[in-house]
Amino acid sequence: MTAQSLQALYVVVKRANHLKEGLRLVLDVSHARVEPAALEQLRECSASHHLPAAIDPLQSECQLSIVAPAQAEARHDGGARTRARALRLAA
């Protein structure tokens, strides 16, 4: 997934978000190839609870959770999850 292809996904997320108020959406890209810029954009949307203004000018509340690829998670949290997993396995 690239930052450009992400725009199409945002349209789908917007449509799902408008189907039912208060819906919590989980986007599982754990098995996808996701460019770092695209993953960062997804995380920003998740944190802000809004899609980009170009996609949703009304800025409706959007409860979006991202399930990221394991390698990206390790980079994002400085490897803390990987270390924690290794410690659990070692115990």
N, C-alpha and C. Protein backbone atom coordinates (compact mmCIF):
# COMPACT_ATOMS: atom_id res chain seq x y z
N MET A 1 0.85 -1.16 0.00
CA MET A 1 0.00 0.00 0.00
C MET A 1 0.90 1.23 0.00
N THR A 2 0.59 2.13 -0.89
CA THR A 2 1.34 3.37 -0.98
C THR A 2 0.48 4.51 -0.45
N ALA A 3 1.10 5.66 -0.25
CA ALA A 3 0.34 6.83 0.18
C ALA A 3 -0.72 7.20 -0.86
N GLN A 4 -0.42 6.93 -2.13
CA GLN A 4 -1.38 7.23 -3.20
C GLN A 4 -2.55 6.24 -3.20
N SER A 5 -2.26 4.95 -3.08
CA SER A 5 -3.33 3.96 -3.08
C SER A 5 -4.18 4.06 -1.82
N LEU A 6 -3.63 4.62 -0.79
CA LEU A 6 -4.35 4.80 0.47
C LEU A 6 -5.58 5.69 0.29
N GLN A 7 -5.52 6.60 -0.67
CA GLN A 7 -6.66 7.49 -0.91
C GLN A 7 -7.92 6.71 -1.25
N ALA A 8 -7.78 5.65 -2.04
CA ALA A 8 -8.93 4.81 -2.38
C ALA A 8 -9.46 4.08 -1.16
N LEU A 9 -8.57 3.65 -0.29
CA LEU A 9 -8.98 2.97 0.93
C LEU A 9 -9.73 3.93 1.85
N TYR A 10 -9.28 5.17 1.91
CA TYR A 10 -9.98 6.17 2.72
C TYR A 10 -11.44 6.32 2.29
N VAL A 11 -11.69 6.25 0.99
CA VAL A 11 -13.06 6.38 0.49
C VAL A 11 -13.91 5.23 1.01
N VAL A 12 -13.35 4.03 1.03
CA VAL A 12 -14.08 2.87 1.55
C VAL A 12 -14.32 3.03 3.05
N VAL A 13 -13.30 3.49 3.78
CA VAL A 13 -13.44 3.71 5.22
C VAL A 13 -14.51 4.77 5.49
N LYS A 14 -14.51 5.84 4.70
CA LYS A 14 -15.52 6.89 4.88
C LYS A 14 -16.92 6.32 4.69
N ARG A 15 -17.08 5.53 3.64
CA ARG A 15 -18.40 4.94 3.37
C ARG A 15 -18.84 4.03 4.52
N ALA A 16 -17.94 3.19 4.99
CA ALA A 16 -18.26 2.31 6.12
C ALA A 16 -18.57 3.12 7.38
N ASN A 17 -17.82 4.18 7.58
CA ASN A 17 -18.02 5.02 8.76
C ASN A 17 -19.40 5.68 8.75
N HIS A 18 -19.90 5.99 7.58
CA HIS A 18 -21.20 6.66 7.47
C HIS A 18 -22.37 5.69 7.49
N LEU A 19 -22.11 4.39 7.42
CA LEU A 19 -23.19 3.41 7.45
C LEU A 19 -23.90 3.38 8.80
N LYS A 20 -23.10 3.52 9.85
CA LYS A 20 -23.68 3.46 11.19
C LYS A 20 -22.87 4.36 12.12
N GLU A 21 -23.55 5.22 12.83
CA GLU A 21 -22.87 6.13 13.75
C GLU A 21 -22.22 5.34 14.89
N GLY A 22 -21.01 5.75 15.25
CA GLY A 22 -20.30 5.12 16.36
C GLY A 22 -19.63 3.81 16.02
N LEU A 23 -19.61 3.46 14.77
CA LEU A 23 -18.98 2.22 14.33
C LEU A 23 -17.47 2.29 14.55
N ARG A 24 -16.89 1.25 15.09
CA ARG A 24 -15.44 1.18 15.27
C ARG A 24 -14.88 0.31 14.15
N LEU A 25 -14.01 0.90 13.36
CA LEU A 25 -13.44 0.21 12.20
C LEU A 25 -12.03 -0.27 12.52
N VAL A 26 -11.74 -1.49 12.17
CA VAL A 26 -10.40 -2.04 12.35
C VAL A 26 -9.84 -2.36 10.98
N LEU A 27 -8.72 -1.74 10.67
CA LEU A 27 -8.07 -1.95 9.39
C LEU A 27 -6.85 -2.83 9.61
N ASP A 28 -6.96 -4.07 9.17
CA ASP A 28 -5.89 -5.05 9.37
C ASP A 28 -5.01 -5.10 8.12
N VAL A 29 -3.87 -4.48 8.21
CA VAL A 29 -2.89 -4.51 7.11
C VAL A 29 -1.66 -5.29 7.54
N SER A 30 -1.85 -6.19 8.49
CA SER A 30 -0.73 -6.92 9.07
C SER A 30 -0.02 -7.82 8.06
N HIS A 31 -0.70 -8.22 7.01
CA HIS A 31 -0.08 -9.08 6.01
C HIS A 31 0.13 -8.37 4.68
N ALA A 32 0.06 -7.05 4.73
CA ALA A 32 0.23 -6.26 3.50
C ALA A 32 1.59 -5.58 3.51
N ARG A 33 2.03 -5.23 2.32
CA ARG A 33 3.23 -4.39 2.21
C ARG A 33 2.75 -2.95 2.26
N VAL A 34 3.14 -2.26 3.30
CA VAL A 34 2.67 -0.90 3.52
C VAL A 34 3.88 0.02 3.60
N GLU A 35 3.90 1.02 2.73
CA GLU A 35 4.99 1.98 2.77
C GLU A 35 4.93 2.75 4.09
N PRO A 36 6.08 3.10 4.64
CA PRO A 36 6.10 3.83 5.92
C PRO A 36 5.25 5.10 5.90
N ALA A 37 5.25 5.84 4.81
CA ALA A 37 4.45 7.08 4.73
C ALA A 37 2.96 6.77 4.82
N ALA A 38 2.53 5.69 4.17
CA ALA A 38 1.12 5.31 4.22
C ALA A 38 0.73 4.86 5.63
N LEU A 39 1.59 4.09 6.26
CA LEU A 39 1.31 3.64 7.62
C LEU A 39 1.24 4.82 8.58
N GLU A 40 2.12 5.78 8.40
CA GLU A 40 2.09 6.97 9.25
C GLU A 40 0.79 7.74 9.05
N GLN A 41 0.32 7.85 7.82
CA GLN A 41 -0.95 8.53 7.56
C GLN A 41 -2.10 7.80 8.24
N LEU A 42 -2.09 6.48 8.17
CA LEU A 42 -3.13 5.70 8.84
C LEU A 42 -3.10 5.92 10.35
N ARG A 43 -1.91 5.94 10.90
CA ARG A 43 -1.78 6.17 12.35
C ARG A 43 -2.27 7.56 12.74
N GLU A 44 -2.00 8.54 11.89
CA GLU A 44 -2.47 9.91 12.16
C GLU A 44 -4.00 9.96 12.16
N CYS A 45 -4.61 9.28 11.21
CA CYS A 45 -6.07 9.23 11.16
C CYS A 45 -6.62 8.53 12.40
N SER A 46 -5.98 7.47 12.81
CA SER A 46 -6.41 6.74 14.00
C SER A 46 -6.31 7.62 15.23
N ALA A 47 -5.21 8.35 15.35
CA ALA A 47 -5.00 9.21 16.53
C ALA A 47 -5.94 10.42 16.55
N SER A 48 -6.19 10.99 15.38
CA SER A 48 -7.02 12.20 15.31
C SER A 48 -8.51 11.89 15.26
N HIS A 49 -8.85 10.63 14.95
CA HIS A 49 -10.24 10.19 14.79
C HIS A 49 -10.94 10.88 13.62
N HIS A 50 -10.14 11.26 12.62
CA HIS A 50 -10.69 11.89 11.42
C HIS A 50 -9.92 11.42 10.19
N LEU A 51 -10.64 11.32 9.08
CA LEU A 51 -10.01 11.06 7.80
C LEU A 51 -9.47 12.38 7.26
N PRO A 52 -8.60 12.33 6.27
CA PRO A 52 -8.10 13.58 5.70
C PRO A 52 -9.26 14.46 5.20
N ALA A 53 -9.11 15.77 5.33
CA ALA A 53 -10.17 16.71 4.94
C ALA A 53 -10.52 16.59 3.46
N ALA A 54 -9.55 16.23 2.62
CA ALA A 54 -9.84 16.07 1.19
C ALA A 54 -10.80 14.91 0.95
N ILE A 55 -10.80 13.92 1.82
CA ILE A 55 -11.68 12.76 1.71
C ILE A 55 -13.01 13.02 2.42
N ASP A 56 -12.95 13.61 3.59
CA ASP A 56 -14.15 13.88 4.39
C ASP A 56 -14.14 15.34 4.84
N PRO A 57 -14.63 16.23 3.97
CA PRO A 57 -14.63 17.67 4.30
C PRO A 57 -15.41 18.00 5.57
N LEU A 58 -16.40 17.18 5.91
CA LEU A 58 -17.19 17.44 7.12
C LEU A 58 -16.45 17.02 8.39
N GLN A 59 -15.36 16.27 8.22
CA GLN A 59 -14.54 15.80 9.35
C GLN A 59 -15.37 15.06 10.40
N SER A 60 -16.14 14.09 9.94
CA SER A 60 -16.92 13.24 10.83
C SER A 60 -15.99 12.44 11.73
N GLU A 61 -16.43 12.17 12.93
CA GLU A 61 -15.68 11.33 13.86
C GLU A 61 -15.51 9.95 13.24
N CYS A 62 -14.30 9.42 13.31
CA CYS A 62 -14.01 8.11 12.72
C CYS A 62 -13.15 7.31 13.70
N GLN A 63 -13.71 6.26 14.25
CA GLN A 63 -12.99 5.39 15.17
C GLN A 63 -12.28 4.32 14.35
N LEU A 64 -11.01 4.57 14.06
CA LEU A 64 -10.24 3.69 13.20
C LEU A 64 -9.04 3.13 13.96
N SER A 65 -8.95 1.82 14.00
CA SER A 65 -7.79 1.15 14.60
C SER A 65 -7.00 0.48 13.50
N ILE A 66 -5.69 0.51 13.61
CA ILE A 66 -4.81 -0.06 12.61
C ILE A 66 -4.09 -1.27 13.19
N VAL A 67 -4.15 -2.39 12.50
CA VAL A 67 -3.34 -3.57 12.83
C VAL A 67 -2.23 -3.57 11.79
N ALA A 68 -1.05 -3.14 12.22
CA ALA A 68 0.07 -2.94 11.30
C ALA A 68 0.92 -4.19 11.16
N PRO A 69 1.71 -4.24 10.09
CA PRO A 69 2.65 -5.35 9.95
C PRO A 69 3.61 -5.40 11.14
N ALA A 70 4.00 -6.58 11.56
CA ALA A 70 4.84 -6.74 12.74
C ALA A 70 6.15 -5.97 12.63
N GLN A 71 6.78 -5.96 11.47
CA GLN A 71 8.04 -5.23 11.30
C GLN A 71 7.83 -3.74 11.51
N ALA A 72 6.72 -3.21 11.03
CA ALA A 72 6.44 -1.78 11.20
C ALA A 72 6.20 -1.47 12.67
N GLU A 73 5.51 -2.37 13.37
CA GLU A 73 5.26 -2.16 14.79
C GLU A 73 6.58 -2.14 15.56
N ALA A 74 7.49 -3.01 15.21
CA ALA A 74 8.78 -3.05 15.90
C ALA A 74 9.53 -1.74 15.68
N ARG A 75 9.47 -1.19 14.47
CA ARG A 75 10.12 0.09 14.21
C ARG A 75 9.41 1.22 14.93
N HIS A 76 8.07 1.17 14.97
CA HIS A 76 7.28 2.25 15.57
C HIS A 76 7.50 2.35 17.07
N ASP A 77 7.59 1.23 17.75
CA ASP A 77 7.74 1.28 19.21
C ASP A 77 9.19 1.04 19.66
N GLY A 78 10.11 1.21 18.75
CA GLY A 78 11.52 1.05 19.10
C GLY A 78 11.90 -0.38 19.42
N GLY A 79 11.07 -1.33 18.99
CA GLY A 79 11.38 -2.73 19.23
C GLY A 79 10.89 -3.24 20.58
N ALA A 80 10.17 -2.42 21.32
CA ALA A 80 9.72 -2.82 22.66
C ALA A 80 8.80 -4.04 22.61
N ARG A 81 7.90 -4.09 21.64
CA ARG A 81 7.02 -5.26 21.53
C ARG A 81 7.80 -6.51 21.19
N THR A 82 8.75 -6.37 20.30
CA THR A 82 9.58 -7.52 19.93
C THR A 82 10.34 -8.02 21.14
N ARG A 83 10.93 -7.09 21.90
CA ARG A 83 11.66 -7.48 23.11
C ARG A 83 10.72 -8.11 24.12
N ALA A 84 9.53 -7.55 24.29
CA ALA A 84 8.57 -8.11 25.24
C ALA A 84 8.17 -9.51 24.82
N ARG A 85 7.95 -9.71 23.53
CA ARG A 85 7.60 -11.03 23.01
C ARG A 85 8.73 -12.01 23.27
N ALA A 86 9.97 -11.57 23.04
CA ALA A 86 11.13 -12.43 23.27
C ALA A 86 11.25 -12.79 24.74
N LEU A 87 10.96 -11.85 25.62
CA LEU A 87 11.03 -12.13 27.05
C LEU A 87 9.96 -13.13 27.46
N ARG A 88 8.75 -13.00 26.89
CA ARG A 88 7.70 -13.96 27.20
C ARG A 88 8.07 -15.36 26.74
N LEU A 89 8.68 -15.43 25.55
CA LEU A 89 9.08 -16.73 25.03
C LEU A 89 10.20 -17.34 25.86
N ALA A 90 11.07 -16.51 26.38
CA ALA A 90 12.21 -17.00 27.16
C ALA A 90 11.78 -17.46 28.53
N ALA A 91 10.69 -16.93 29.04
CA ALA A 91 10.24 -17.25 30.40
C ALA A 91 9.67 -18.63 30.52
